[in-house]
C-alpha cells in the first residue's frame, strides 16, 4: 500500500499565491536569517501539531480505542509496515491506520 508518492504531490510553483510579494520576501528573509536552533524548534512544533491532528482524527474514527491503540495507529501512519510488524507486532494492513 503506497501512502506517499512524490510524483502526485502538488508542486510549490503550481499553488496559487495570494500573499503580497513584499510580505513573502520579508517572511523568507526572516526564515533564512533564523538561527538553526529556531528552525529546529519550528520543525518540532509543526511535527507535534501534525501528530496531534492525526491523533484527533484517529480518536474520531476509533472512539473506543485505547491510548496504546491510538499510538499504534499514529505510528502506522509514520512507519512502514515491516517496521510496525518487527518492532510493535502491529499489522497496519490488518488493523488499519
Protein backbone atom coordinates (compact mmCIF):
# COMPACT_ATOMS: atom_id res chain seq x y z
CA UNK A 1 0.00 0.00 0.00
CA UNK A 2 1.52 3.34 -1.06
CA UNK A 3 0.73 6.20 1.29
CA UNK A 4 3.07 8.76 -0.23
CA UNK A 5 4.01 9.35 -3.83
CA UNK A 6 6.14 12.38 -4.62
CA UNK A 7 5.05 12.25 -8.27
CA UNK A 8 1.47 13.08 -7.30
CA UNK A 9 2.31 15.86 -4.86
CA UNK A 10 1.37 19.43 -5.79
CA UNK A 11 4.44 21.38 -6.81
CA UNK A 12 5.02 24.67 -4.96
CA UNK A 13 5.11 26.60 -8.24
CA UNK A 14 1.62 25.28 -9.09
CA UNK A 15 -0.04 26.55 -5.90
CA UNK A 16 -1.92 29.85 -6.20
CA UNK A 17 -0.27 32.57 -4.13
CA UNK A 18 -2.37 35.39 -2.72
CA UNK A 19 0.44 36.69 -0.49
CA UNK A 20 1.82 40.13 -1.18
CA UNK A 21 5.26 39.63 -2.80
CA UNK A 22 6.92 42.08 -0.36
CA UNK A 23 5.43 40.28 2.64
CA UNK A 24 6.52 36.91 1.27
CA UNK A 25 10.06 38.19 0.61
CA UNK A 26 10.24 39.56 4.16
CA UNK A 27 9.00 36.26 5.59
CA UNK A 28 11.50 34.24 3.59
CA UNK A 29 14.32 36.57 4.64
CA UNK A 30 13.34 36.13 8.30
CA UNK A 31 13.31 32.35 7.88
CA UNK A 32 16.70 32.41 6.20
CA UNK A 33 18.16 34.58 8.97
CA UNK A 34 16.77 32.44 11.79
CA UNK A 35 19.39 30.52 13.78
CA UNK A 36 19.46 26.73 13.42
CA UNK A 37 18.00 26.18 16.90
CA UNK A 38 14.98 28.31 15.98
CA UNK A 39 14.43 26.43 12.72
CA UNK A 40 14.66 23.12 14.59
CA UNK A 41 12.10 24.38 17.12
CA UNK A 42 9.76 25.38 14.28
CA UNK A 43 10.04 21.94 12.67
CA UNK A 44 9.43 20.29 16.05
CA UNK A 45 6.35 22.42 16.63
CA UNK A 46 4.93 21.63 13.18
CA UNK A 47 5.63 17.92 13.65
CA UNK A 48 3.85 17.89 17.01
CA UNK A 49 0.88 19.74 15.53
CA UNK A 50 0.62 17.19 12.71
CA UNK A 51 0.76 14.35 15.22
CA UNK A 52 -1.94 15.92 17.39
CA UNK A 53 -4.21 16.42 14.38
CA UNK A 54 -3.61 12.84 13.26
CA UNK A 55 -4.40 11.55 16.76
CA UNK A 56 -7.59 13.59 16.85
CA UNK A 57 -8.63 12.00 13.56
CA UNK A 58 -7.80 8.54 14.88
CA UNK A 59 -9.86 9.18 18.01
CA UNK A 60 -12.79 10.32 15.88
CA UNK A 61 -12.62 7.18 13.72
CA UNK A 62 -11.99 4.82 16.66
CA UNK A 63 -13.71 6.38 19.70
CA UNK A 64 -13.31 3.22 21.80
CA UNK A 65 -9.59 2.84 21.06
CA UNK A 66 -7.21 2.58 24.00
CA UNK A 67 -4.30 5.01 24.23
CA UNK A 68 -1.96 2.23 23.06
CA UNK A 69 -4.15 1.60 20.03
CA UNK A 70 -4.21 5.32 19.20
CA UNK A 71 -0.40 5.41 19.42
CA UNK A 72 -0.08 2.28 17.26
CA UNK A 73 -2.34 3.76 14.61
CA UNK A 74 -0.33 7.00 14.72
CA UNK A 75 2.94 5.09 14.41
CA UNK A 76 1.49 3.17 11.46
CA UNK A 77 0.99 6.49 9.67
CA UNK A 78 4.69 7.32 10.07
CA UNK A 79 6.44 3.97 9.83
CA UNK A 80 6.43 1.34 7.12
CA UNK A 81 4.59 -1.95 7.59
CA UNK A 82 7.73 -4.04 8.07
CA UNK A 83 8.93 -1.80 10.90
CA UNK A 84 5.50 -1.85 12.55
CA UNK A 85 5.46 -5.65 12.43
CA UNK A 86 9.05 -6.08 13.62
CA UNK A 87 9.03 -3.51 16.40
CA UNK A 88 5.41 -3.43 17.59
CA UNK A 89 3.84 -6.62 16.18
CA UNK A 90 1.15 -4.37 14.64
CA UNK A 91 -0.01 -5.03 11.10
CA UNK A 92 -1.41 -1.80 9.61
CA UNK A 93 -2.90 -3.75 6.69
CA UNK A 94 -4.95 -5.83 9.14
CA UNK A 95 -5.54 -3.34 11.98
CA UNK A 96 -5.81 -0.14 9.96
CA UNK A 97 -4.26 3.28 10.45
